[in-house]
PDB file of N, CA and C in Angstrom:
ATOM      1  N   MET A   1     124.756 105.500  92.281  1.00  0.00           N
ATOM      2  CA  MET A   1     123.330 105.683  92.403  1.00  0.00           C
ATOM      3  C   MET A   1     123.048 106.245  93.790  1.00  0.00           C
ATOM      4  N   THR A   2     122.063 107.132  93.874  1.00  0.00           N
ATOM      5  CA  THR A   2     121.722 107.727  95.157  1.00  0.00           C
ATOM      6  C   THR A   2     120.211 107.905  95.282  1.00  0.00           C
ATOM      7  N   SER A   3     119.775 108.102  96.532  1.00  0.00           N
ATOM      8  CA  SER A   3     118.383 108.461  96.786  1.00  0.00           C
ATOM      9  C   SER A   3     118.180 109.904  96.324  1.00  0.00           C
ATOM     10  N   GLU A   4     116.936 110.347  96.304  1.00  0.00           N
ATOM     11  CA  GLU A   4     116.635 111.709  95.856  1.00  0.00           C
ATOM     12  C   GLU A   4     117.377 112.758  96.670  1.00  0.00           C
ATOM     13  N   ASP A   5     117.549 112.537  97.968  1.00  0.00           N
ATOM     14  CA  ASP A   5     118.231 113.516  98.819  1.00  0.00           C
ATOM     15  C   ASP A   5     119.743 113.286  98.895  1.00  0.00           C
ATOM     16  N   ASN A   6     120.256 112.303  98.147  1.00  0.00           N
ATOM     17  CA  ASN A   6     121.688 111.983  98.083  1.00  0.00           C
ATOM     18  C   ASN A   6     122.237 111.420  99.399  1.00  0.00           C
ATOM     19  N   ALA A   7     121.377 111.046 100.339  1.00  0.00           N
ATOM     20  CA  ALA A   7     121.828 110.557 101.645  1.00  0.00           C
ATOM     21  C   ALA A   7     121.917 109.035 101.706  1.00  0.00           C
ATOM     22  N   PHE A   8     121.330 108.346 100.735  1.00  0.00           N
ATOM     23  CA  PHE A   8     121.413 106.884 100.628  1.00  0.00           C
ATOM     24  C   PHE A   8     122.151 106.608  99.325  1.00  0.00           C
ATOM     25  N   ARG A   9     123.399 106.148  99.439  1.00  0.00           N
ATOM     26  CA  ARG A   9     124.254 105.983  98.265  1.00  0.00           C
ATOM     27  C   ARG A   9     124.565 104.514  98.017  1.00  0.00           C
ATOM     28  N   LEU A  10     124.468 104.108  96.753  1.00  0.00           N
ATOM     29  CA  LEU A  10     124.786 102.737  96.352  1.00  0.00           C
ATOM     30  C   LEU A  10     125.938 102.766  95.352  1.00  0.00           C
ATOM     31  N   ARG A  11     126.879 101.847  95.540  1.00  0.00           N
ATOM     32  CA  ARG A  11     127.998 101.690  94.612  1.00  0.00           C
ATOM     33  C   ARG A  11     127.839 100.336  93.937  1.00  0.00           C
ATOM     34  N   ILE A  12     127.771 100.337  92.617  1.00  0.00           N
ATOM     35  CA  ILE A  12     127.570  99.104  91.857  1.00  0.00           C
ATOM     36  C   ILE A  12     128.812  98.230  91.948  1.00  0.00           C
ATOM     37  N   LEU A  13     128.628  96.969  92.341  1.00  0.00           N
ATOM     38  CA  LEU A  13     129.715  95.997  92.412  1.00  0.00           C
ATOM     39  C   LEU A  13     129.577  94.920  91.343  1.00  0.00           C
ATOM     40  N   GLY A  14     128.361  94.686  90.882  1.00  0.00           N
ATOM     41  CA  GLY A  14     128.101  93.628  89.907  1.00  0.00           C
ATOM     42  C   GLY A  14     128.617  93.971  88.522  1.00  0.00           C
ATOM     43  N   THR A  15     128.656  92.964  87.679  1.00  0.00           N
ATOM     44  CA  THR A  15     129.156  93.142  86.318  1.00  0.00           C
ATOM     45  C   THR A  15     128.025  93.496  85.359  1.00  0.00           C
ATOM     46  N   LEU A  16     128.379  94.127  84.267  1.00  0.00           N
ATOM     47  CA  LEU A  16     127.401  94.565  83.282  1.00  0.00           C
ATOM     48  C   LEU A  16     126.677  93.390  82.621  1.00  0.00           C
ATOM     49  N   ASN A  17     127.362  92.276  82.449  1.00  0.00           N
ATOM     50  CA  ASN A  17     126.737  91.144  81.752  1.00  0.00           C
ATOM     51  C   ASN A  17     125.716  90.389  82.610  1.00  0.00           C
ATOM     52  N   THR A  18     125.603  90.689  83.908  1.00  0.00           N
ATOM     53  CA  THR A  18     124.601  90.027  84.752  1.00  0.00           C
ATOM     54  C   THR A  18     123.521  90.984  85.260  1.00  0.00           C
ATOM     55  N   VAL A  19     123.566  92.251  84.861  1.00  0.00           N
ATOM     56  CA  VAL A  19     122.677  93.263  85.430  1.00  0.00           C
ATOM     57  C   VAL A  19     121.192  92.952  85.217  1.00  0.00           C
ATOM     58  N   SER A  20     120.845  92.193  84.206  1.00  0.00           N
ATOM     59  CA  SER A  20     119.432  91.876  83.976  1.00  0.00           C
ATOM     60  C   SER A  20     118.913  90.769  84.896  1.00  0.00           C
ATOM     61  N   SER A  21     119.818  90.060  85.583  1.00  0.00           N
ATOM     62  CA  SER A  21     119.375  88.980  86.473  1.00  0.00           C
ATOM     63  C   SER A  21     119.904  89.106  87.899  1.00  0.00           C
ATOM     64  N   VAL A  22     121.101  89.667  88.077  1.00  0.00           N
ATOM     65  CA  VAL A  22     121.706  89.829  89.405  1.00  0.00           C
ATOM     66  C   VAL A  22     122.317  91.223  89.501  1.00  0.00           C
ATOM     67  N   GLN A  23     121.917  91.967  90.532  1.00  0.00           N
ATOM     68  CA  GLN A  23     122.490  93.290  90.782  1.00  0.00           C
ATOM     69  C   GLN A  23     123.092  93.280  92.179  1.00  0.00           C
ATOM     70  N   TRP A  24     124.333  93.767  92.300  1.00  0.00           N
ATOM     71  CA  TRP A  24     125.075  93.688  93.550  1.00  0.00           C
ATOM     72  C   TRP A  24     125.606  95.075  93.878  1.00  0.00           C
ATOM     73  N   TYR A  25     125.350  95.548  95.116  1.00  0.00           N
ATOM     74  CA  TYR A  25     125.717  96.899  95.521  1.00  0.00           C
ATOM     75  C   TYR A  25     126.349  96.906  96.912  1.00  0.00           C
ATOM     76  N   GLU A  26     127.194  97.887  97.140  1.00  0.00           N
ATOM     77  CA  GLU A  26     127.595  98.291  98.481  1.00  0.00           C
ATOM     78  C   GLU A  26     126.834  99.583  98.741  1.00  0.00           C
ATOM     79  N   PHE A  27     126.326  99.774  99.959  1.00  0.00           N
ATOM     80  CA  PHE A  27     125.560 100.995 100.219  1.00  0.00           C
ATOM     81  C   PHE A  27     125.967 101.648 101.533  1.00  0.00           C
ATOM     82  N   ASN A  28     125.685 102.947 101.609  1.00  0.00           N
ATOM     83  CA  ASN A  28     125.863 103.723 102.830  1.00  0.00           C
ATOM     84  C   ASN A  28     124.650 104.634 102.967  1.00  0.00           C
ATOM     85  N   ALA A  29     124.044 104.634 104.147  1.00  0.00           N
ATOM     86  CA  ALA A  29     122.854 105.449 104.395  1.00  0.00           C
ATOM     87  C   ALA A  29     123.096 106.331 105.611  1.00  0.00           C
ATOM     88  N   GLU A  30     123.031 107.639 105.411  1.00  0.00           N
ATOM     89  CA  GLU A  30     123.168 108.580 106.519  1.00  0.00           C
ATOM     90  C   GLU A  30     121.925 108.500 107.408  1.00  0.00           C
ATOM     91  N   PRO A  31     122.010 108.978 108.655  1.00  0.00           N
ATOM     92  CA  PRO A  31     120.822 108.999 109.509  1.00  0.00           C
ATOM     93  C   PRO A  31     119.669 109.735 108.816  1.00  0.00           C
ATOM     94  N   GLY A  32     118.495 109.120 108.832  1.00  0.00           N
ATOM     95  CA  GLY A  32     117.316 109.701 108.205  1.00  0.00           C
ATOM     96  C   GLY A  32     117.175 109.412 106.722  1.00  0.00           C
ATOM     97  N   ALA A  33     118.197 108.830 106.100  1.00  0.00           N
ATOM     98  CA  ALA A  33     118.154 108.547 104.658  1.00  0.00           C
ATOM     99  C   ALA A  33     117.131 107.469 104.353  1.00  0.00           C
ATOM    100  N   GLU A  34     116.453 107.628 103.217  1.00  0.00           N
ATOM    101  CA  GLU A  34     115.466 106.633 102.793  1.00  0.00           C
ATOM    102  C   GLU A  34     115.604 106.389 101.296  1.00  0.00           C
ATOM    103  N   LEU A  35     115.607 105.112 100.922  1.00  0.00           N
ATOM    104  CA  LEU A  35     115.638 104.699  99.524  1.00  0.00           C
ATOM    105  C   LEU A  35     114.296 104.057  99.208  1.00  0.00           C
ATOM    106  N   VAL A  36     113.534 104.669  98.314  1.00  0.00           N
ATOM    107  CA  VAL A  36     112.212 104.177  97.935  1.00  0.00           C
ATOM    108  C   VAL A  36     112.325 103.552  96.551  1.00  0.00           C
ATOM    109  N   SER A  37     111.836 102.319  96.404  1.00  0.00           N
ATOM    110  CA  SER A  37     111.942 101.588  95.137  1.00  0.00           C
ATOM    111  C   SER A  37     110.586 101.055  94.702  1.00  0.00           C
ATOM    112  N   GLU A  38     110.374 101.041  93.412  1.00  0.00           N
ATOM    113  CA  GLU A  38     109.213 100.384  92.829  1.00  0.00           C
ATOM    114  C   GLU A  38     109.486  98.879  92.806  1.00  0.00           C
ATOM    115  N   SER A  39     108.509  98.113  92.395  1.00  0.00           N
ATOM    116  CA  SER A  39     108.678  96.669  92.242  1.00  0.00           C
ATOM    117  C   SER A  39     109.838  96.376  91.302  1.00  0.00           C
ATOM    118  N   HIS A  40     110.604  95.338  91.614  1.00  0.00           N
ATOM    119  CA  HIS A  40     111.681  94.894  90.731  1.00  0.00           C
ATOM    120  C   HIS A  40     111.195  93.795  89.788  1.00  0.00           C
ATOM    121  N   GLY A  41     109.903  93.494  89.820  1.00  0.00           N
ATOM    122  CA  GLY A  41     109.326  92.498  88.923  1.00  0.00           C
ATOM    123  C   GLY A  41     108.903  91.235  89.658  1.00  0.00           C
ATOM    124  N   LYS A  42     108.027  90.492  89.029  1.00  0.00           N
ATOM    125  CA  LYS A  42     107.487  89.263  89.608  1.00  0.00           C
ATOM    126  C   LYS A  42     108.614  88.283  89.939  1.00  0.00           C
ATOM    127  N   GLY A  43     108.580  87.744  91.160  1.00  0.00           N
ATOM    128  CA  GLY A  43     109.560  86.757  91.593  1.00  0.00           C
ATOM    129  C   GLY A  43     110.885  87.327  92.055  1.00  0.00           C
ATOM    130  N   SER A  44     111.031  88.653  92.068  1.00  0.00           N
ATOM    131  CA  SER A  44     112.313  89.250  92.463  1.00  0.00           C
ATOM    132  C   SER A  44     112.544  89.124  93.967  1.00  0.00           C
ATOM    133  N   LEU A  45     113.808  89.070  94.333  1.00  0.00           N
ATOM    134  CA  LEU A  45     114.225  88.877  95.720  1.00  0.00           C
ATOM    135  C   LEU A  45     115.396  89.806  96.006  1.00  0.00           C
ATOM    136  N   GLU A  46     115.410  90.373  97.211  1.00  0.00           N
ATOM    137  CA  GLU A  46     116.510  91.247  97.618  1.00  0.00           C
ATOM    138  C   GLU A  46     117.102  90.692  98.902  1.00  0.00           C
ATOM    139  N   SER A  47     118.413  90.776  99.017  1.00  0.00           N
ATOM    140  CA  SER A  47     119.122  90.330 100.211  1.00  0.00           C
ATOM    141  C   SER A  47     119.982  91.485 100.703  1.00  0.00           C
ATOM    142  N   ILE A  48     119.836  91.830 101.985  1.00  0.00           N
ATOM    143  CA  ILE A  48     120.616  92.901 102.603  1.00  0.00           C
ATOM    144  C   ILE A  48     121.465  92.283 103.703  1.00  0.00           C
ATOM    145  N   THR A  49     122.758  92.537 103.679  1.00  0.00           N
ATOM    146  CA  THR A  49     123.647  92.190 104.786  1.00  0.00           C
ATOM    147  C   THR A  49     124.162  93.502 105.347  1.00  0.00           C
ATOM    148  N   LEU A  50     123.882  93.745 106.613  1.00  0.00           N
ATOM    149  CA  LEU A  50     124.229  95.012 107.237  1.00  0.00           C
ATOM    150  C   LEU A  50     125.508  94.866 108.047  1.00  0.00           C
ATOM    151  N   CYS A  51     126.500  95.680 107.728  1.00  0.00           N
ATOM    152  CA  CYS A  51     127.795  95.643 108.422  1.00  0.00           C
ATOM    153  C   CYS A  51     127.839  96.624 109.588  1.00  0.00           C
ATOM    154  N   GLY A  52     127.077  97.707 109.504  1.00  0.00           N
ATOM    155  CA  GLY A  52     127.058  98.700 110.567  1.00  0.00           C
ATOM    156  C   GLY A  52     125.749  99.455 110.582  1.00  0.00           C
ATOM    157  N   GLY A  53     125.299  99.855 111.765  1.00  0.00           N
ATOM    158  CA  GLY A  53     124.059 100.606 111.897  1.00  0.00           C
ATOM    159  C   GLY A  53     122.842  99.698 111.902  1.00  0.00           C
ATOM    160  N   ASN A  54     121.688 100.274 111.526  1.00  0.00           N
ATOM    161  CA  ASN A  54     120.457  99.501 111.406  1.00  0.00           C
ATOM    162  C   ASN A  54     119.555 100.139 110.364  1.00  0.00           C
ATOM    163  N   LEU A  55     118.656  99.335 109.819  1.00  0.00           N
ATOM    164  CA  LEU A  55     117.738  99.781 108.774  1.00  0.00           C
ATOM    165  C   LEU A  55     116.337  99.263 109.067  1.00  0.00           C
ATOM    166  N   THR A  56     115.358  99.994 108.565  1.00  0.00           N
ATOM    167  CA  THR A  56     113.973  99.552 108.579  1.00  0.00           C
ATOM    168  C   THR A  56     113.551  99.333 107.135  1.00  0.00           C
ATOM    169  N   ILE A  57     113.045  98.142 106.837  1.00  0.00           N
ATOM    170  CA  ILE A  57     112.591  97.798 105.495  1.00  0.00           C
ATOM    171  C   ILE A  57     111.069  97.715 105.541  1.00  0.00           C
ATOM    172  N   THR A  58     110.409  98.448 104.657  1.00  0.00           N
ATOM    173  CA  THR A  58     108.950  98.470 104.608  1.00  0.00           C
ATOM    174  C   THR A  58     108.482  97.998 103.238  1.00  0.00           C
ATOM    175  N   ILE A  59     107.599  96.996 103.243  1.00  0.00           N
ATOM    176  CA  ILE A  59     106.965  96.491 102.027  1.00  0.00           C
ATOM    177  C   ILE A  59     105.470  96.518 102.292  1.00  0.00           C
ATOM    178  N   GLU A  60     104.775  97.473 101.681  1.00  0.00           N
ATOM    179  CA  GLU A  60     103.372  97.734 101.960  1.00  0.00           C
ATOM    180  C   GLU A  60     103.205  97.960 103.464  1.00  0.00           C
ATOM    181  N   ASP A  61     102.421  97.121 104.162  1.00  0.00           N
ATOM    182  CA  ASP A  61     102.193  97.307 105.599  1.00  0.00           C
ATOM    183  C   ASP A  61     103.161  96.508 106.463  1.00  0.00           C
ATOM    184  N   GLU A  62     104.042  95.736 105.849  1.00  0.00           N
ATOM    185  CA  GLU A  62     104.982  94.899 106.595  1.00  0.00           C
ATOM    186  C   GLU A  62     106.270  95.676 106.867  1.00  0.00           C
ATOM    187  N   ILE A  63     106.667  95.717 108.140  1.00  0.00           N
ATOM    188  CA  ILE A  63     107.881  96.428 108.550  1.00  0.00           C
ATOM    189  C   ILE A  63     108.836  95.433 109.188  1.00  0.00           C
ATOM    190  N   GLN A  64     110.088  95.430 108.713  1.00  0.00           N
ATOM    191  CA  GLN A  64     111.125  94.569 109.275  1.00  0.00           C
ATOM    192  C   GLN A  64     112.335  95.431 109.603  1.00  0.00           C
ATOM    193  N   LYS A  65     112.995  95.102 110.695  1.00  0.00           N
ATOM    194  CA  LYS A  65     114.188  95.844 111.105  1.00  0.00           C
ATOM    195  C   LYS A  65     115.389  94.916 111.061  1.00  0.00           C
ATOM    196  N   ILE A  66     116.534  95.490 110.702  1.00  0.00           N
ATOM    197  CA  ILE A  66     117.770  94.725 110.611  1.00  0.00           C
ATOM    198  C   ILE A  66     118.878  95.523 111.294  1.00  0.00           C
ATOM    199  N   CYS A  67     119.721  94.812 112.050  1.00  0.00           N
ATOM    200  CA  CYS A  67     120.833  95.426 112.780  1.00  0.00           C
ATOM    201  C   CYS A  67     122.159  94.925 112.224  1.00  0.00           C
ATOM    202  N   ALA A  68     123.233  95.614 112.573  1.00  0.00           N
ATOM    203  CA  ALA A  68     124.574  95.234 112.124  1.00  0.00           C
ATOM    204  C   ALA A  68     124.836  93.761 112.408  1.00  0.00           C
ATOM    205  N   GLY A  69     125.408  93.071 111.421  1.00  0.00           N
ATOM    206  CA  GLY A  69     125.726  91.657 111.554  1.00  0.00           C
ATOM    207  C   GLY A  69     124.625  90.728 111.088  1.00  0.00           C
ATOM    208  N   GLU A  70     123.476  91.279 110.705  1.00  0.00           N
ATOM    209  CA  GLU A  70     122.351  90.457 110.271  1.00  0.00           C
ATOM    210  C   GLU A  70     122.166  90.515 108.755  1.00  0.00           C
ATOM    211  N   THR A  71     121.505  89.490 108.228  1.00  0.00           N
ATOM    212  CA  THR A  71     121.124  89.436 106.818  1.00  0.00           C
ATOM    213  C   THR A  71     119.622  89.232 106.746  1.00  0.00           C
ATOM    214  N   LEU A  72     118.985  89.955 105.846  1.00  0.00           N
ATOM    215  CA  LEU A  72     117.543  89.853 105.652  1.00  0.00           C
ATOM    216  C   LEU A  72     117.268  89.652 104.164  1.00  0.00           C
ATOM    217  N   ARG A  73     116.396  88.697 103.860  1.00  0.00           N
ATOM    218  CA  ARG A  73     115.987  88.441 102.475  1.00  0.00           C
ATOM    219  C   ARG A  73     114.481  88.644 102.388  1.00  0.00           C
ATOM    220  N   TYR A  74     114.046  89.286 101.307  1.00  0.00           N
ATOM    221  CA  TYR A  74     112.624  89.580 101.158  1.00  0.00           C
ATOM    222  C   TYR A  74     112.283  89.739  99.677  1.00  0.00           C
ATOM    223  N   HIS A  75     111.014  89.493  99.357  1.00  0.00           N
ATOM    224  CA  HIS A  75     110.531  89.628  97.984  1.00  0.00           C
ATOM    225  C   HIS A  75     110.366  91.108  97.653  1.00  0.00           C
ATOM    226  N   THR A  76     110.722  91.468  96.427  1.00  0.00           N
ATOM    227  CA  THR A  76     110.643  92.869  96.010  1.00  0.00           C
ATOM    228  C   THR A  76     109.755  93.030  94.776  1.00  0.00           C
ATOM    229  N   ASP A  77     108.691  92.231  94.721  1.00  0.00           N
ATOM    230  CA  ASP A  77     107.752  92.369  93.616  1.00  0.00           C
ATOM    231  C   ASP A  77     106.652  93.385  93.932  1.00  0.00           C
ATOM    232  N   LEU A  78     106.845  94.138  95.015  1.00  0.00           N
ATOM    233  CA  LEU A  78     105.967  95.238  95.406  1.00  0.00           C
ATOM    234  C   LEU A  78     106.842  96.454  95.710  1.00  0.00           C
ATOM    235  N   PRO A  79     106.272  97.669  95.682  1.00  0.00           N
ATOM    236  CA  PRO A  79     107.054  98.834  96.096  1.00  0.00           C
ATOM    237  C   PRO A  79     107.573  98.631  97.520  1.00  0.00           C
ATOM    238  N   HIS A  80     108.777  99.125  97.785  1.00  0.00           N
ATOM    239  CA  HIS A  80     109.394  98.919  99.095  1.00  0.00           C
ATOM    240  C   HIS A  80     110.354 100.063  99.399  1.00  0.00           C
ATOM    241  N   SER A  81     110.736 100.182 100.671  1.00  0.00           N
ATOM    242  CA  SER A  81     111.669 101.238 101.057  1.00  0.00           C
ATOM    243  C   SER A  81     112.614 100.738 102.139  1.00  0.00           C
ATOM    244  N   LEU A  82     113.797 101.350 102.168  1.00  0.00           N
ATOM    245  CA  LEU A  82     114.808 101.092 103.189  1.00  0.00           C
ATOM    246  C   LEU A  82     115.109 102.426 103.846  1.00  0.00           C
ATOM    247  N   LYS A  83     115.065 102.480 105.171  1.00  0.00           N
ATOM    248  CA  LYS A  83     115.282 103.744 105.873  1.00  0.00           C
ATOM    249  C   LYS A  83     116.210 103.543 107.058  1.00  0.00           C
ATOM    250  N   ASN A  84     117.161 104.464 107.197  1.00  0.00           N
ATOM    251  CA  ASN A  84     118.040 104.486 108.362  1.00  0.00           C
ATOM    252  C   ASN A  84     117.388 105.386 109.405  1.00  0.00           C
ATOM    253  N   GLU A  85     116.782 104.781 110.418  1.00  0.00           N
ATOM    254  CA  GLU A  85     116.123 105.542 111.477  1.00  0.00           C
ATOM    255  C   GLU A  85     117.041 105.747 112.675  1.00  0.00           C
ATOM    256  N   GLY A  86     118.290 105.304 112.557  1.00  0.00           N
ATOM    257  CA  GLY A  86     119.248 105.442 113.648  1.00  0.00           C
ATOM    258  C   GLY A  86     119.938 106.796 113.641  1.00  0.00           C
ATOM    259  N   ASN A  87     120.914 106.939 114.543  1.00  0.00           N
ATOM    260  CA  ASN A  87     121.639 108.206 114.654  1.00  0.00           C
ATOM    261  C   ASN A  87     123.074 108.114 114.131  1.00  0.00           C
ATOM    262  N   LYS A  88     123.399 107.009 113.431  1.00  0.00           N
ATOM    263  CA  LYS A  88     124.702 106.889 112.782  1.00  0.00           C
ATOM    264  C   LYS A  88     124.515 106.238 111.417  1.00  0.00           C
ATOM    265  N   ASP A  89     125.529 106.346 110.577  1.00  0.00           N
ATOM    266  CA  ASP A  89     125.445 105.771 109.231  1.00  0.00           C
ATOM    267  C   ASP A  89     125.212 104.267 109.286  1.00  0.00           C
ATOM    268  N   SER A  90     124.486 103.771 108.291  1.00  0.00           N
ATOM    269  CA  SER A  90     124.313 102.331 108.082  1.00  0.00           C
ATOM    270  C   SER A  90     125.085 101.959 106.825  1.00  0.00           C
ATOM    271  N   HIS A  91     125.772 100.831 106.880  1.00  0.00           N
ATOM    272  CA  HIS A  91     126.614 100.397 105.761  1.00  0.00           C
ATOM    273  C   HIS A  91     126.422  98.908 105.553  1.00  0.00           C
ATOM    274  N   GLY A  92     126.342  98.498 104.294  1.00  0.00           N
ATOM    275  CA  GLY A  92     126.187  97.074 104.029  1.00  0.00           C
ATOM    276  C   GLY A  92     126.213  96.756 102.555  1.00  0.00           C
ATOM    277  N   PHE A  93     125.695  95.573 102.239  1.00  0.00           N
ATOM    278  CA  PHE A  93     125.688  95.062 100.874  1.00  0.00           C
ATOM    279  C   PHE A  93     124.282  94.603 100.511  1.00  0.00           C
ATOM    280  N   MET A  94     123.919  94.807  99.247  1.00  0.00           N
ATOM    281  CA  MET A  94     122.597  94.452  98.744  1.00  0.00           C
ATOM    282  C   MET A  94     122.765  93.641  97.462  1.00  0.00           C
ATOM    283  N   VAL A  95     122.005  92.554  97.366  1.00  0.00           N
ATOM    284  CA  VAL A  95     121.971  91.761  96.140  1.00  0.00           C
ATOM    285  C   VAL A  95     120.515  91.646  95.710  1.00  0.00           C
ATOM    286  N   ASN A  96     120.248  91.987  94.447  1.00  0.00           N
ATOM    287  CA  ASN A  96     118.914  91.848  93.866  1.00  0.00           C
ATOM    288  C   ASN A  96     118.930  90.703  92.870  1.00  0.00           C
ATOM    289  N   LEU A  97     118.030  89.748  93.060  1.00  0.00           N
ATOM    290  CA  LEU A  97     117.847  88.654  92.104  1.00  0.00           C
ATOM    291  C   LEU A  97     116.566  88.939  91.345  1.00  0.00           C
ATOM    292  N   LEU A  98     116.685  89.185  90.067  1.00  0.00           N
ATOM    293  CA  LEU A  98     115.541  89.623  89.259  1.00  0.00           C
ATOM    294  C   LEU A  98     114.929  88.488  88.467  1.00  0.00           C
TER     295      LEU A  98
END
C-alpha cells in the first residue's frame, strides 16, 4: 500500500483473518511524504512506533509530533494524516485497532 505520490509506503504484516479488527504494518516515509486517511470507524485506535526519523500526525486541528524511539497512540475515528516533515526517511510500525 502506498500514498498517492508513492512516497509513503506500508507493508502489511498482519494476517488476513484479523484484518477486520487488527491491522499491522511496517512503513517507510520519504521526506515530504504524507499519508491522508479517512476515519477508520467509531472507537478505532492507531498506534505508531517510530524507529527512525520523525512524523507529524494531524487529526482535525490537533497536531502531534513523534521522534525516533517514541510510540504515539491516538483515536482515528476522524480523518487524519501522517507527514514526514524531516529531511530523512521515517521508518516504523503501525497498528490499527478497528
